[in-house]
Amino acid sequence: MIPTSPPRRAASGTSLVEFALQGDLLIGEGLRLRAAHGRAGITNHKQEGDGATPAGLLRLVRVLYRADRIKPPICAVPLEPISPRDGWCDDMADPAYNKPVRLPFAPSHEELWRADNVYDVIGVLDWNLAPIVPGHGSAIFFHAATPDYAPTAGCVALALPDVLAALAAGLTAIHVPG
């Protein structure tokens, strides 16, 4: 087993429970979970649409979930249900770029209420949130993997039970080595 470091202190004084992405595993708090990440690998120079997962310490800002499919997950960050009208703007020319939006929404966006189970739980990671830089990447989430663990468009994905286990273990950040 690869040892994990003890939780680091976040600026607010709350514990930062950091998991680490190591190849096809997410490791932390005694858990070793199979993971998928960006189809283009990991990058230190994330760009919109490149298919890569950004390197760095990605803090978990909040968790969104489908209340019609699962119970509210146990987690250490704010939690809120989503609805069929929820989306996320990925149009770098729009002022709402890399922000949640309400549907219908004309500019390019992701629908968060999906037919598959991939977004039944969505951990919003703090990539490109403060400040938001157009073209620097959007919608970098921690979510459920497809059954075949297909690479993502830049997110970190695990089997849904593993997403729930990591959240229940207190996950508040994912270290993605560059």
N, C-alpha and C. Protein backbone atom coordinates (compact mmCIF):
# COMPACT_ATOMS: atom_id res chain seq x y z
N MET A 1 0.83 -1.18 0.00
CA MET A 1 0.00 0.00 0.00
C MET A 1 0.87 1.24 0.00
N ILE A 2 0.50 2.23 -0.76
CA ILE A 2 1.22 3.49 -0.83
C ILE A 2 0.74 4.34 0.34
N PRO A 3 1.65 4.82 1.19
CA PRO A 3 1.21 5.61 2.34
C PRO A 3 0.63 6.94 1.90
N THR A 4 -0.31 7.42 2.69
CA THR A 4 -0.87 8.75 2.44
C THR A 4 -0.37 9.67 3.53
N SER A 5 -0.26 10.93 3.20
CA SER A 5 0.18 11.89 4.19
C SER A 5 -1.00 12.28 5.08
N PRO A 6 -0.71 12.76 6.29
CA PRO A 6 -1.81 13.17 7.16
C PRO A 6 -2.53 14.37 6.56
N PRO A 7 -3.80 14.59 6.94
CA PRO A 7 -4.53 15.74 6.40
C PRO A 7 -3.80 17.04 6.68
N ARG A 8 -3.81 17.94 5.70
CA ARG A 8 -3.24 19.27 5.89
C ARG A 8 -4.33 20.21 6.37
N ARG A 9 -3.94 21.29 7.01
CA ARG A 9 -4.90 22.27 7.49
C ARG A 9 -5.24 23.24 6.37
N ALA A 10 -6.53 23.43 6.13
CA ALA A 10 -6.98 24.42 5.16
C ALA A 10 -6.88 25.79 5.81
N ALA A 11 -6.90 26.82 4.99
CA ALA A 11 -6.78 28.19 5.50
C ALA A 11 -7.88 28.53 6.50
N SER A 12 -9.07 27.97 6.31
CA SER A 12 -10.19 28.28 7.19
C SER A 12 -10.08 27.57 8.53
N GLY A 13 -9.08 26.69 8.70
CA GLY A 13 -8.93 25.97 9.95
C GLY A 13 -9.56 24.58 9.92
N THR A 14 -10.27 24.26 8.85
CA THR A 14 -10.84 22.92 8.74
C THR A 14 -9.80 21.99 8.14
N SER A 15 -9.92 20.71 8.43
CA SER A 15 -8.97 19.74 7.89
C SER A 15 -9.11 19.61 6.39
N LEU A 16 -7.99 19.57 5.72
CA LEU A 16 -7.95 19.31 4.29
C LEU A 16 -7.64 17.83 4.14
N VAL A 17 -8.60 17.05 3.73
CA VAL A 17 -8.40 15.62 3.55
C VAL A 17 -8.10 15.40 2.07
N GLU A 18 -6.82 15.21 1.80
CA GLU A 18 -6.31 15.15 0.43
C GLU A 18 -6.13 13.70 -0.01
N PHE A 19 -6.74 13.37 -1.14
CA PHE A 19 -6.49 12.11 -1.82
C PHE A 19 -5.54 12.41 -2.96
N ALA A 20 -4.81 11.40 -3.43
CA ALA A 20 -3.86 11.60 -4.52
C ALA A 20 -4.21 10.70 -5.69
N LEU A 21 -4.19 11.27 -6.87
CA LEU A 21 -4.37 10.50 -8.08
C LEU A 21 -3.01 9.94 -8.45
N GLN A 22 -2.91 8.61 -8.51
CA GLN A 22 -1.65 7.95 -8.86
C GLN A 22 -1.97 6.93 -9.94
N GLY A 23 -1.69 7.31 -11.19
CA GLY A 23 -2.02 6.44 -12.32
C GLY A 23 -3.52 6.25 -12.41
N ASP A 24 -3.96 5.00 -12.31
CA ASP A 24 -5.39 4.72 -12.40
C ASP A 24 -6.00 4.48 -11.02
N LEU A 25 -5.39 5.05 -9.98
CA LEU A 25 -5.90 4.91 -8.61
C LEU A 25 -6.05 6.28 -7.96
N LEU A 26 -7.06 6.41 -7.12
CA LEU A 26 -7.20 7.55 -6.23
C LEU A 26 -6.97 6.99 -4.83
N ILE A 27 -5.98 7.54 -4.12
CA ILE A 27 -5.53 6.96 -2.86
C ILE A 27 -5.64 8.00 -1.74
N GLY A 28 -6.24 7.57 -0.63
CA GLY A 28 -6.31 8.44 0.53
C GLY A 28 -7.17 7.84 1.61
N GLU A 29 -6.90 8.20 2.85
CA GLU A 29 -7.68 7.77 4.01
C GLU A 29 -7.86 6.25 4.05
N GLY A 30 -6.81 5.52 3.68
CA GLY A 30 -6.84 4.07 3.71
C GLY A 30 -7.56 3.44 2.53
N LEU A 31 -8.00 4.24 1.56
CA LEU A 31 -8.72 3.74 0.39
C LEU A 31 -7.82 3.76 -0.84
N ARG A 32 -7.95 2.74 -1.67
CA ARG A 32 -7.28 2.66 -2.97
C ARG A 32 -8.38 2.37 -3.98
N LEU A 33 -8.77 3.38 -4.74
CA LEU A 33 -9.95 3.30 -5.59
C LEU A 33 -9.57 3.45 -7.07
N ARG A 34 -10.10 2.56 -7.88
CA ARG A 34 -9.83 2.66 -9.32
C ARG A 34 -10.41 3.96 -9.85
N ALA A 35 -9.63 4.66 -10.68
CA ALA A 35 -10.03 5.99 -11.16
C ALA A 35 -9.78 6.13 -12.66
N ALA A 36 -10.58 6.98 -13.26
CA ALA A 36 -10.37 7.41 -14.65
C ALA A 36 -10.07 8.90 -14.61
N HIS A 37 -9.31 9.37 -15.59
CA HIS A 37 -9.06 10.80 -15.70
C HIS A 37 -9.03 11.16 -17.18
N GLY A 38 -8.57 12.34 -17.50
CA GLY A 38 -8.64 12.87 -18.86
C GLY A 38 -8.07 11.98 -19.94
N ARG A 39 -8.77 11.93 -21.07
CA ARG A 39 -8.35 11.10 -22.21
C ARG A 39 -7.00 11.53 -22.77
N ALA A 40 -6.62 12.79 -22.53
CA ALA A 40 -5.33 13.30 -23.00
C ALA A 40 -4.29 13.31 -21.87
N GLY A 41 -4.58 12.63 -20.77
CA GLY A 41 -3.63 12.55 -19.67
C GLY A 41 -3.76 13.72 -18.71
N ILE A 42 -2.65 14.07 -18.11
CA ILE A 42 -2.59 15.15 -17.12
C ILE A 42 -1.72 16.25 -17.69
N THR A 43 -2.13 17.50 -17.45
CA THR A 43 -1.38 18.62 -18.01
C THR A 43 -1.14 19.72 -16.98
N ASN A 44 -0.04 20.41 -17.15
CA ASN A 44 0.26 21.61 -16.37
C ASN A 44 -0.24 22.86 -17.08
N HIS A 45 -0.82 22.70 -18.28
CA HIS A 45 -1.26 23.84 -19.10
C HIS A 45 -2.66 23.56 -19.64
N LYS A 46 -3.63 23.44 -18.77
CA LYS A 46 -5.00 23.11 -19.13
C LYS A 46 -5.60 24.16 -20.06
N GLN A 47 -6.25 23.66 -21.13
CA GLN A 47 -6.97 24.52 -22.06
C GLN A 47 -8.36 23.93 -22.29
N GLU A 48 -9.33 24.77 -22.54
CA GLU A 48 -10.69 24.32 -22.79
C GLU A 48 -10.72 23.30 -23.93
N GLY A 49 -11.36 22.18 -23.68
CA GLY A 49 -11.56 21.17 -24.71
C GLY A 49 -10.38 20.28 -25.01
N ASP A 50 -9.27 20.38 -24.26
CA ASP A 50 -8.09 19.57 -24.57
C ASP A 50 -8.19 18.13 -24.08
N GLY A 51 -9.19 17.82 -23.26
CA GLY A 51 -9.37 16.44 -22.79
C GLY A 51 -8.40 16.02 -21.71
N ALA A 52 -7.67 16.96 -21.14
CA ALA A 52 -6.68 16.64 -20.11
C ALA A 52 -7.19 17.04 -18.72
N THR A 53 -6.71 16.33 -17.72
CA THR A 53 -6.98 16.66 -16.33
C THR A 53 -5.89 17.62 -15.86
N PRO A 54 -6.29 18.75 -15.25
CA PRO A 54 -5.26 19.70 -14.80
C PRO A 54 -4.48 19.18 -13.60
N ALA A 55 -3.18 19.41 -13.61
CA ALA A 55 -2.32 19.05 -12.48
C ALA A 55 -2.49 20.10 -11.39
N GLY A 56 -2.33 19.66 -10.16
CA GLY A 56 -2.38 20.59 -9.04
C GLY A 56 -3.21 20.03 -7.90
N LEU A 57 -3.41 20.84 -6.89
CA LEU A 57 -4.27 20.49 -5.77
C LEU A 57 -5.65 21.03 -6.09
N LEU A 58 -6.57 20.13 -6.38
CA LEU A 58 -7.94 20.51 -6.75
C LEU A 58 -8.83 20.35 -5.52
N ARG A 59 -9.23 21.47 -4.96
CA ARG A 59 -10.07 21.43 -3.75
C ARG A 59 -11.53 21.19 -4.13
N LEU A 60 -12.19 20.43 -3.30
CA LEU A 60 -13.62 20.15 -3.46
C LEU A 60 -14.39 21.33 -2.87
N VAL A 61 -15.15 22.02 -3.72
CA VAL A 61 -15.87 23.22 -3.30
C VAL A 61 -17.26 22.89 -2.77
N ARG A 62 -17.95 22.02 -3.49
CA ARG A 62 -19.30 21.60 -3.09
C ARG A 62 -19.65 20.32 -3.82
N VAL A 63 -20.71 19.68 -3.36
CA VAL A 63 -21.18 18.45 -3.97
C VAL A 63 -22.63 18.64 -4.42
N LEU A 64 -22.90 18.26 -5.64
CA LEU A 64 -24.24 18.29 -6.22
C LEU A 64 -24.69 16.84 -6.40
N TYR A 65 -25.98 16.58 -6.29
CA TYR A 65 -26.44 15.19 -6.44
C TYR A 65 -27.87 15.13 -6.96
N ARG A 66 -28.22 13.98 -7.54
CA ARG A 66 -29.57 13.72 -8.04
C ARG A 66 -30.39 13.09 -6.94
N ALA A 67 -31.24 13.88 -6.31
CA ALA A 67 -32.05 13.41 -5.19
C ALA A 67 -33.09 12.38 -5.62
N ASP A 68 -33.40 12.32 -6.91
CA ASP A 68 -34.35 11.31 -7.39
C ASP A 68 -33.69 9.93 -7.54
N ARG A 69 -32.37 9.88 -7.47
CA ARG A 69 -31.65 8.62 -7.65
C ARG A 69 -30.89 8.15 -6.41
N ILE A 70 -30.37 9.08 -5.63
CA ILE A 70 -29.59 8.69 -4.45
C ILE A 70 -29.95 9.56 -3.25
N LYS A 71 -29.63 9.05 -2.08
CA LYS A 71 -29.78 9.83 -0.85
C LYS A 71 -28.67 10.87 -0.81
N PRO A 72 -28.86 11.93 -0.02
CA PRO A 72 -27.78 12.92 0.08
C PRO A 72 -26.49 12.24 0.57
N PRO A 73 -25.41 12.39 -0.18
CA PRO A 73 -24.16 11.75 0.24
C PRO A 73 -23.58 12.43 1.48
N ILE A 74 -22.86 11.65 2.26
CA ILE A 74 -22.11 12.19 3.39
C ILE A 74 -20.88 12.88 2.80
N CYS A 75 -20.66 14.12 3.17
CA CYS A 75 -19.48 14.83 2.66
C CYS A 75 -19.13 15.97 3.59
N ALA A 76 -17.93 16.51 3.41
CA ALA A 76 -17.39 17.55 4.28
C ALA A 76 -17.56 18.95 3.72
N VAL A 77 -18.25 19.08 2.60
CA VAL A 77 -18.43 20.38 1.95
C VAL A 77 -19.92 20.62 1.74
N PRO A 78 -20.31 21.84 1.38
CA PRO A 78 -21.73 22.10 1.12
C PRO A 78 -22.30 21.14 0.08
N LEU A 79 -23.56 20.80 0.26
CA LEU A 79 -24.25 19.79 -0.54
C LEU A 79 -25.56 20.38 -1.04
N GLU A 80 -25.90 20.12 -2.31
CA GLU A 80 -27.19 20.57 -2.81
C GLU A 80 -27.67 19.68 -3.94
N PRO A 81 -28.98 19.48 -4.02
CA PRO A 81 -29.53 18.67 -5.10
C PRO A 81 -29.55 19.46 -6.41
N ILE A 82 -29.52 18.73 -7.52
CA ILE A 82 -29.66 19.37 -8.83
C ILE A 82 -31.05 19.07 -9.38
N SER A 83 -31.40 19.80 -10.44
CA SER A 83 -32.69 19.62 -11.10
C SER A 83 -32.47 19.50 -12.61
N PRO A 84 -33.51 19.14 -13.34
CA PRO A 84 -33.36 19.05 -14.81
C PRO A 84 -32.98 20.37 -15.47
N ARG A 85 -33.09 21.48 -14.78
CA ARG A 85 -32.76 22.78 -15.36
C ARG A 85 -31.33 23.22 -15.05
N ASP A 86 -30.52 22.36 -14.45
CA ASP A 86 -29.16 22.75 -14.09
C ASP A 86 -28.16 22.39 -15.18
N GLY A 87 -27.27 23.33 -15.45
CA GLY A 87 -26.20 23.13 -16.43
C GLY A 87 -24.94 23.83 -15.96
N TRP A 88 -23.88 23.72 -16.79
CA TRP A 88 -22.59 24.35 -16.48
C TRP A 88 -22.05 24.92 -17.78
N CYS A 89 -21.79 26.21 -17.82
CA CYS A 89 -21.34 26.89 -19.04
C CYS A 89 -19.89 26.54 -19.37
N ASP A 90 -19.67 26.10 -20.63
CA ASP A 90 -18.31 25.85 -21.10
C ASP A 90 -17.97 26.71 -22.33
N ASP A 91 -18.75 27.77 -22.54
CA ASP A 91 -18.52 28.70 -23.65
C ASP A 91 -17.61 29.81 -23.16
N MET A 92 -16.34 29.77 -23.58
CA MET A 92 -15.36 30.71 -23.06
C MET A 92 -15.62 32.16 -23.44
N ALA A 93 -16.52 32.40 -24.41
CA ALA A 93 -16.87 33.77 -24.79
C ALA A 93 -18.03 34.32 -23.96
N ASP A 94 -18.65 33.48 -23.15
CA ASP A 94 -19.82 33.91 -22.38
C ASP A 94 -19.40 34.35 -20.97
N PRO A 95 -20.04 35.38 -20.42
CA PRO A 95 -19.72 35.82 -19.06
C PRO A 95 -19.96 34.74 -17.99
N ALA A 96 -20.78 33.74 -18.30
CA ALA A 96 -21.06 32.67 -17.33
C ALA A 96 -20.06 31.51 -17.45
N TYR A 97 -19.00 31.69 -18.23
CA TYR A 97 -18.01 30.63 -18.43
C TYR A 97 -17.56 30.04 -17.09
N ASN A 98 -17.56 28.70 -17.04
CA ASN A 98 -17.15 27.91 -15.88
C ASN A 98 -17.98 28.22 -14.63
N LYS A 99 -19.27 28.47 -14.86
CA LYS A 99 -20.20 28.72 -13.77
C LYS A 99 -21.47 27.89 -14.00
N PRO A 100 -22.20 27.60 -12.92
CA PRO A 100 -23.49 26.93 -13.10
C PRO A 100 -24.47 27.86 -13.80
N VAL A 101 -25.34 27.28 -14.60
CA VAL A 101 -26.36 28.04 -15.32
C VAL A 101 -27.70 27.31 -15.23
N ARG A 102 -28.76 28.05 -15.51
CA ARG A 102 -30.11 27.46 -15.56
C ARG A 102 -30.49 27.25 -17.02
N LEU A 103 -31.04 26.09 -17.30
CA LEU A 103 -31.46 25.73 -18.65
C LEU A 103 -32.93 26.13 -18.84
N PRO A 104 -33.33 26.48 -20.06
CA PRO A 104 -32.52 26.50 -21.27
C PRO A 104 -31.49 27.64 -21.25
N PHE A 105 -30.36 27.37 -21.90
CA PHE A 105 -29.24 28.29 -21.93
C PHE A 105 -28.62 28.18 -23.32
N ALA A 106 -28.62 29.26 -24.09
CA ALA A 106 -28.19 29.20 -25.49
C ALA A 106 -26.70 28.93 -25.70
N PRO A 107 -25.79 29.56 -24.95
CA PRO A 107 -24.37 29.28 -25.18
C PRO A 107 -24.03 27.82 -24.85
N SER A 108 -22.87 27.39 -25.28
CA SER A 108 -22.42 26.01 -25.04
C SER A 108 -22.38 25.72 -23.54
N HIS A 109 -22.86 24.52 -23.19
CA HIS A 109 -22.95 24.14 -21.78
C HIS A 109 -23.03 22.63 -21.65
N GLU A 110 -22.82 22.16 -20.44
CA GLU A 110 -23.07 20.76 -20.09
C GLU A 110 -24.38 20.69 -19.33
N GLU A 111 -25.18 19.68 -19.62
CA GLU A 111 -26.37 19.42 -18.82
C GLU A 111 -25.94 18.57 -17.64
N LEU A 112 -26.32 18.97 -16.43
CA LEU A 112 -25.93 18.22 -15.25
C LEU A 112 -26.91 17.07 -14.96
N TRP A 113 -28.13 17.18 -15.43
CA TRP A 113 -29.16 16.15 -15.24
C TRP A 113 -29.06 15.22 -16.44
N ARG A 114 -28.29 14.13 -16.28
CA ARG A 114 -28.01 13.24 -17.41
C ARG A 114 -28.79 11.94 -17.30
N ALA A 115 -29.01 11.31 -18.45
CA ALA A 115 -29.71 10.02 -18.49
C ALA A 115 -28.85 8.91 -17.89
N ASP A 116 -27.54 8.99 -18.12
CA ASP A 116 -26.66 7.99 -17.51
C ASP A 116 -26.45 8.35 -16.04
N ASN A 117 -25.65 7.60 -15.33
CA ASN A 117 -25.45 7.84 -13.90
C ASN A 117 -24.18 8.61 -13.60
N VAL A 118 -23.50 9.10 -14.61
CA VAL A 118 -22.20 9.74 -14.43
C VAL A 118 -22.27 10.97 -13.52
N TYR A 119 -23.34 11.74 -13.62
CA TYR A 119 -23.47 12.94 -12.79
C TYR A 119 -24.51 12.77 -11.68
N ASP A 120 -24.72 11.55 -11.20
CA ASP A 120 -25.60 11.37 -10.05
C ASP A 120 -25.02 12.06 -8.82
N VAL A 121 -23.70 12.12 -8.73
CA VAL A 121 -22.99 12.90 -7.72
C VAL A 121 -21.89 13.66 -8.46
N ILE A 122 -21.83 14.95 -8.23
CA ILE A 122 -20.83 15.80 -8.88
C ILE A 122 -20.09 16.58 -7.81
N GLY A 123 -18.81 16.30 -7.68
CA GLY A 123 -17.97 17.10 -6.80
C GLY A 123 -17.38 18.23 -7.62
N VAL A 124 -17.73 19.46 -7.31
CA VAL A 124 -17.21 20.61 -8.04
C VAL A 124 -15.82 20.90 -7.50
N LEU A 125 -14.82 20.79 -8.38
CA LEU A 125 -13.43 21.07 -8.00
C LEU A 125 -13.10 22.52 -8.33
N ASP A 126 -12.16 23.10 -7.62
CA ASP A 126 -11.92 24.54 -7.73
C ASP A 126 -11.02 24.94 -8.90
N TRP A 127 -10.95 24.12 -9.92
CA TRP A 127 -10.13 24.48 -11.08
C TRP A 127 -10.73 25.70 -11.79
N ASN A 128 -9.93 26.70 -11.99
CA ASN A 128 -10.27 27.89 -12.77
C ASN A 128 -11.52 28.61 -12.22
N LEU A 129 -11.63 28.70 -10.91
CA LEU A 129 -12.79 29.37 -10.32
C LEU A 129 -12.50 30.75 -9.77
N ALA A 130 -11.28 31.00 -9.32
CA ALA A 130 -10.99 32.29 -8.69
C ALA A 130 -9.57 32.73 -8.98
N PRO A 131 -9.34 33.53 -9.96
CA PRO A 131 -10.33 34.07 -10.90
C PRO A 131 -10.58 33.10 -12.05
N ILE A 132 -11.69 33.27 -12.71
CA ILE A 132 -11.99 32.47 -13.90
C ILE A 132 -11.27 33.09 -15.08
N VAL A 133 -10.48 32.27 -15.79
CA VAL A 133 -9.75 32.74 -16.97
C VAL A 133 -10.37 32.05 -18.18
N PRO A 134 -11.00 32.80 -19.09
CA PRO A 134 -11.62 32.19 -20.26
C PRO A 134 -10.61 31.32 -21.03
N GLY A 135 -11.04 30.10 -21.36
CA GLY A 135 -10.20 29.18 -22.12
C GLY A 135 -9.29 28.32 -21.28
N HIS A 136 -9.27 28.54 -19.97
CA HIS A 136 -8.35 27.82 -19.07
C HIS A 136 -8.94 26.50 -18.57
N GLY A 137 -10.12 26.14 -19.05
CA GLY A 137 -10.76 24.88 -18.66
C GLY A 137 -11.96 25.10 -17.77
N SER A 138 -12.99 24.30 -18.02
CA SER A 138 -14.24 24.44 -17.26
C SER A 138 -14.79 23.07 -16.90
N ALA A 139 -15.71 23.08 -15.94
CA ALA A 139 -16.44 21.87 -15.54
C ALA A 139 -15.49 20.73 -15.17
N ILE A 140 -14.50 21.02 -14.36
CA ILE A 140 -13.60 19.97 -13.87
C ILE A 140 -14.22 19.44 -12.58
N PHE A 141 -14.75 18.23 -12.69
CA PHE A 141 -15.55 17.63 -11.62
C PHE A 141 -14.94 16.32 -11.13
N PHE A 142 -15.40 15.89 -9.98
CA PHE A 142 -15.17 14.57 -9.40
C PHE A 142 -16.52 13.88 -9.50
N HIS A 143 -16.62 12.81 -10.30
CA HIS A 143 -17.92 12.20 -10.54
C HIS A 143 -17.81 10.71 -10.79
N ALA A 144 -18.94 10.08 -11.08
CA ALA A 144 -18.97 8.64 -11.33
C ALA A 144 -18.39 8.31 -12.70
N ALA A 145 -17.67 7.22 -12.77
CA ALA A 145 -17.09 6.74 -14.02
C ALA A 145 -18.14 5.97 -14.82
N THR A 146 -17.90 5.84 -16.10
CA THR A 146 -18.71 4.95 -16.92
C THR A 146 -18.37 3.51 -16.52
N PRO A 147 -19.24 2.55 -16.82
CA PRO A 147 -18.96 1.17 -16.41
C PRO A 147 -17.61 0.63 -16.88
N ASP A 148 -17.12 1.11 -18.03
CA ASP A 148 -15.83 0.64 -18.55
C ASP A 148 -14.66 1.54 -18.16
N TYR A 149 -14.90 2.50 -17.27
CA TYR A 149 -13.87 3.46 -16.83
C TYR A 149 -13.25 4.20 -18.02
N ALA A 150 -14.07 4.56 -18.98
CA ALA A 150 -13.57 5.31 -20.13
C ALA A 150 -12.94 6.62 -19.64
N PRO A 151 -11.89 7.08 -20.32
CA PRO A 151 -11.29 8.36 -19.95
C PRO A 151 -12.34 9.48 -19.99
N THR A 152 -12.10 10.50 -19.20
CA THR A 152 -13.01 11.63 -19.11
C THR A 152 -12.54 12.77 -20.01
N ALA A 153 -13.31 13.85 -20.00
CA ALA A 153 -12.92 15.05 -20.75
C ALA A 153 -11.98 15.94 -19.93
N GLY A 154 -11.59 15.48 -18.73
CA GLY A 154 -10.68 16.23 -17.88
C GLY A 154 -10.98 16.07 -16.39
N CYS A 155 -12.07 15.39 -16.09
CA CYS A 155 -12.48 15.17 -14.70
C CYS A 155 -11.77 13.96 -14.10
N VAL A 156 -12.00 13.75 -12.80
CA VAL A 156 -11.57 12.54 -12.11
C VAL A 156 -12.84 11.75 -11.81
N ALA A 157 -12.87 10.47 -12.21
CA ALA A 157 -14.09 9.67 -12.08
C ALA A 157 -13.80 8.31 -11.46
N LEU A 158 -14.71 7.87 -10.59
CA LEU A 158 -14.64 6.58 -9.91
C LEU A 158 -16.00 5.90 -10.03
N ALA A 159 -16.06 4.63 -9.73
CA ALA A 159 -17.35 3.95 -9.62
C ALA A 159 -18.18 4.71 -8.58
N LEU A 160 -19.49 4.80 -8.78
CA LEU A 160 -20.33 5.58 -7.87
C LEU A 160 -20.15 5.17 -6.41
N PRO A 161 -20.12 3.87 -6.07
CA PRO A 161 -19.89 3.53 -4.66
C PRO A 161 -18.55 4.05 -4.13
N ASP A 162 -17.55 4.13 -4.99
CA ASP A 162 -16.24 4.65 -4.57
C ASP A 162 -16.27 6.17 -4.41
N VAL A 163 -17.01 6.87 -5.27
CA VAL A 163 -17.19 8.31 -5.09
C VAL A 163 -17.80 8.57 -3.72
N LEU A 164 -18.85 7.81 -3.40
CA LEU A 164 -19.53 7.97 -2.11
C LEU A 164 -18.62 7.63 -0.95
N ALA A 165 -17.79 6.59 -1.10
CA ALA A 165 -16.85 6.20 -0.04
C ALA A 165 -15.80 7.28 0.19
N ALA A 166 -15.26 7.84 -0.89
CA ALA A 166 -14.26 8.90 -0.75
C ALA A 166 -14.86 10.13 -0.08
N LEU A 167 -16.07 10.49 -0.48
CA LEU A 167 -16.73 11.64 0.14
C LEU A 167 -16.98 11.37 1.62
N ALA A 168 -17.47 10.18 1.95
CA ALA A 168 -17.76 9.83 3.35
C ALA A 168 -16.48 9.79 4.18
N ALA A 169 -15.33 9.49 3.54
CA ALA A 169 -14.04 9.49 4.25
C ALA A 169 -13.51 10.90 4.50
N GLY A 170 -14.24 11.90 3.99
CA GLY A 170 -13.86 13.29 4.26
C GLY A 170 -13.11 13.99 3.15
N LEU A 171 -13.04 13.40 1.95
CA LEU A 171 -12.32 14.02 0.84
C LEU A 171 -12.66 15.50 0.71
N THR A 172 -11.64 16.33 0.70
CA THR A 172 -11.83 17.76 0.44
C THR A 172 -10.89 18.28 -0.64
N ALA A 173 -9.98 17.43 -1.13
CA ALA A 173 -9.06 17.84 -2.19
C ALA A 173 -8.48 16.62 -2.86
N ILE A 174 -8.15 16.79 -4.14
CA ILE A 174 -7.47 15.74 -4.91
C ILE A 174 -6.17 16.33 -5.44
N HIS A 175 -5.07 15.66 -5.11
CA HIS A 175 -3.76 16.08 -5.64
C HIS A 175 -3.54 15.33 -6.95
N VAL A 176 -3.41 16.08 -8.02
CA VAL A 176 -3.14 15.51 -9.35
C VAL A 176 -1.69 15.92 -9.69
N PRO A 177 -0.77 14.93 -9.66
CA PRO A 177 0.63 15.27 -9.92
C PRO A 177 0.85 15.69 -11.37
N GLY A 178 1.74 16.66 -11.57
CA GLY A 178 2.03 17.15 -12.91
C GLY A 178 3.28 16.57 -13.48
